[in-house]
Amino acid sequence: MKKNVGGIDKTLRIVLGLVLLLAGMFAPLGANLRVLALVLSAVALLTGIFGF
């Protein structure tokens, strides 16, 4: 499968994933928002790291 994520997009996804990860871990959020932030951070980090 061909990778379709460019350099800037890759960097932005990794930064967004880290911000969401920190928000999910340390921000005073409800349980549902915490889970949502952690799931979105995982998706952003994985797509940023692997380029898909």
N, C-alpha and C. Protein backbone atom coordinates (compact mmCIF):
# COMPACT_ATOMS: atom_id res chain seq x y z
N MET A 1 0.84 -1.17 0.00
CA MET A 1 0.00 0.00 0.00
C MET A 1 0.89 1.24 0.00
N LYS A 2 0.50 2.20 -0.79
CA LYS A 2 1.28 3.43 -0.91
C LYS A 2 0.98 4.38 0.25
N LYS A 3 2.04 4.95 0.83
CA LYS A 3 1.87 5.92 1.91
C LYS A 3 1.38 7.23 1.33
N ASN A 4 0.45 7.90 2.04
CA ASN A 4 -0.14 9.11 1.50
C ASN A 4 -0.05 10.29 2.47
N VAL A 5 0.91 10.28 3.38
CA VAL A 5 1.06 11.36 4.34
C VAL A 5 2.39 12.04 4.09
N GLY A 6 2.35 13.36 3.85
CA GLY A 6 3.57 14.12 3.60
C GLY A 6 4.29 14.48 4.88
N GLY A 7 5.41 15.18 4.75
CA GLY A 7 6.24 15.53 5.88
C GLY A 7 5.59 16.47 6.87
N ILE A 8 4.95 17.52 6.37
CA ILE A 8 4.31 18.48 7.28
C ILE A 8 3.11 17.82 7.95
N ASP A 9 2.34 17.08 7.19
CA ASP A 9 1.17 16.40 7.75
C ASP A 9 1.60 15.40 8.82
N LYS A 10 2.68 14.70 8.58
CA LYS A 10 3.20 13.73 9.53
C LYS A 10 3.58 14.41 10.85
N THR A 11 4.26 15.54 10.75
CA THR A 11 4.68 16.28 11.93
C THR A 11 3.47 16.81 12.70
N LEU A 12 2.50 17.36 11.98
CA LEU A 12 1.30 17.88 12.64
C LEU A 12 0.51 16.78 13.34
N ARG A 13 0.42 15.61 12.73
CA ARG A 13 -0.29 14.51 13.36
C ARG A 13 0.41 14.05 14.64
N ILE A 14 1.73 14.00 14.62
CA ILE A 14 2.46 13.60 15.81
C ILE A 14 2.30 14.62 16.92
N VAL A 15 2.39 15.91 16.59
CA VAL A 15 2.21 16.95 17.60
C VAL A 15 0.78 16.92 18.15
N LEU A 16 -0.22 16.79 17.28
CA LEU A 16 -1.60 16.71 17.72
C LEU A 16 -1.81 15.48 18.60
N GLY A 17 -1.21 14.37 18.22
CA GLY A 17 -1.33 13.16 19.03
C GLY A 17 -0.73 13.32 20.41
N LEU A 18 0.40 14.01 20.50
CA LEU A 18 1.02 14.24 21.81
C LEU A 18 0.18 15.18 22.66
N VAL A 19 -0.37 16.22 22.04
CA VAL A 19 -1.22 17.16 22.78
C VAL A 19 -2.46 16.44 23.30
N LEU A 20 -3.10 15.64 22.46
CA LEU A 20 -4.28 14.90 22.90
C LEU A 20 -3.94 13.88 23.97
N LEU A 21 -2.78 13.26 23.86
CA LEU A 21 -2.36 12.30 24.87
C LEU A 21 -2.18 12.97 26.23
N LEU A 22 -1.52 14.12 26.23
CA LEU A 22 -1.34 14.85 27.48
C LEU A 22 -2.67 15.35 28.03
N ALA A 23 -3.55 15.81 27.15
CA ALA A 23 -4.87 16.26 27.59
C ALA A 23 -5.66 15.10 28.18
N GLY A 24 -5.59 13.96 27.54
CA GLY A 24 -6.31 12.79 28.04
C GLY A 24 -5.78 12.28 29.36
N MET A 25 -4.51 12.51 29.61
CA MET A 25 -3.92 12.01 30.85
C MET A 25 -4.03 13.01 31.99
N PHE A 26 -3.88 14.30 31.72
CA PHE A 26 -3.73 15.27 32.79
C PHE A 26 -4.83 16.32 32.89
N ALA A 27 -5.60 16.54 31.84
CA ALA A 27 -6.64 17.57 31.88
C ALA A 27 -7.84 17.08 32.68
N PRO A 28 -8.52 17.99 33.37
CA PRO A 28 -9.70 17.58 34.14
C PRO A 28 -10.91 17.38 33.23
N LEU A 29 -10.97 16.22 32.61
CA LEU A 29 -12.04 15.89 31.68
C LEU A 29 -12.93 14.81 32.29
N GLY A 30 -14.13 14.70 31.76
CA GLY A 30 -15.00 13.60 32.14
C GLY A 30 -14.47 12.30 31.55
N ALA A 31 -15.02 11.20 32.00
CA ALA A 31 -14.54 9.90 31.56
C ALA A 31 -14.68 9.71 30.05
N ASN A 32 -15.81 10.13 29.49
CA ASN A 32 -16.04 9.96 28.05
C ASN A 32 -15.07 10.79 27.23
N LEU A 33 -14.84 12.04 27.63
CA LEU A 33 -13.91 12.90 26.89
C LEU A 33 -12.47 12.40 27.03
N ARG A 34 -12.15 11.86 28.19
CA ARG A 34 -10.80 11.33 28.41
C ARG A 34 -10.54 10.16 27.46
N VAL A 35 -11.50 9.25 27.36
CA VAL A 35 -11.35 8.10 26.46
C VAL A 35 -11.28 8.57 25.01
N LEU A 36 -12.12 9.52 24.64
CA LEU A 36 -12.10 10.05 23.28
C LEU A 36 -10.75 10.68 22.95
N ALA A 37 -10.22 11.47 23.87
CA ALA A 37 -8.92 12.11 23.64
C ALA A 37 -7.82 11.07 23.50
N LEU A 38 -7.86 10.02 24.30
CA LEU A 38 -6.82 8.99 24.22
C LEU A 38 -6.93 8.17 22.93
N VAL A 39 -8.14 7.88 22.50
CA VAL A 39 -8.32 7.14 21.25
C VAL A 39 -7.87 7.98 20.06
N LEU A 40 -8.27 9.25 20.04
CA LEU A 40 -7.85 10.13 18.94
C LEU A 40 -6.34 10.34 18.94
N SER A 41 -5.74 10.40 20.12
CA SER A 41 -4.28 10.56 20.18
C SER A 41 -3.59 9.33 19.62
N ALA A 42 -4.12 8.15 19.91
CA ALA A 42 -3.53 6.92 19.38
C ALA A 42 -3.62 6.89 17.86
N VAL A 43 -4.76 7.26 17.33
CA VAL A 43 -4.94 7.28 15.86
C VAL A 43 -3.98 8.29 15.22
N ALA A 44 -3.92 9.50 15.80
CA ALA A 44 -3.05 10.53 15.23
C ALA A 44 -1.59 10.12 15.31
N LEU A 45 -1.17 9.57 16.44
CA LEU A 45 0.23 9.15 16.58
C LEU A 45 0.58 8.00 15.63
N LEU A 46 -0.28 7.03 15.54
CA LEU A 46 0.02 5.88 14.68
C LEU A 46 0.05 6.28 13.20
N THR A 47 -0.90 7.10 12.77
CA THR A 47 -0.88 7.52 11.37
C THR A 47 0.28 8.46 11.10
N GLY A 48 0.68 9.25 12.09
CA GLY A 48 1.82 10.13 11.91
C GLY A 48 3.13 9.36 11.86
N ILE A 49 3.26 8.35 12.70
CA ILE A 49 4.51 7.59 12.75
C ILE A 49 4.65 6.68 11.53
N PHE A 50 3.57 5.98 11.18
CA PHE A 50 3.65 5.01 10.09
C PHE A 50 3.29 5.58 8.73
N GLY A 51 2.69 6.75 8.68
CA GLY A 51 2.43 7.41 7.40
C GLY A 51 1.21 6.94 6.64
N PHE A 52 0.27 6.28 7.27
CA PHE A 52 -0.95 5.82 6.60
C PHE A 52 -2.15 6.56 7.11
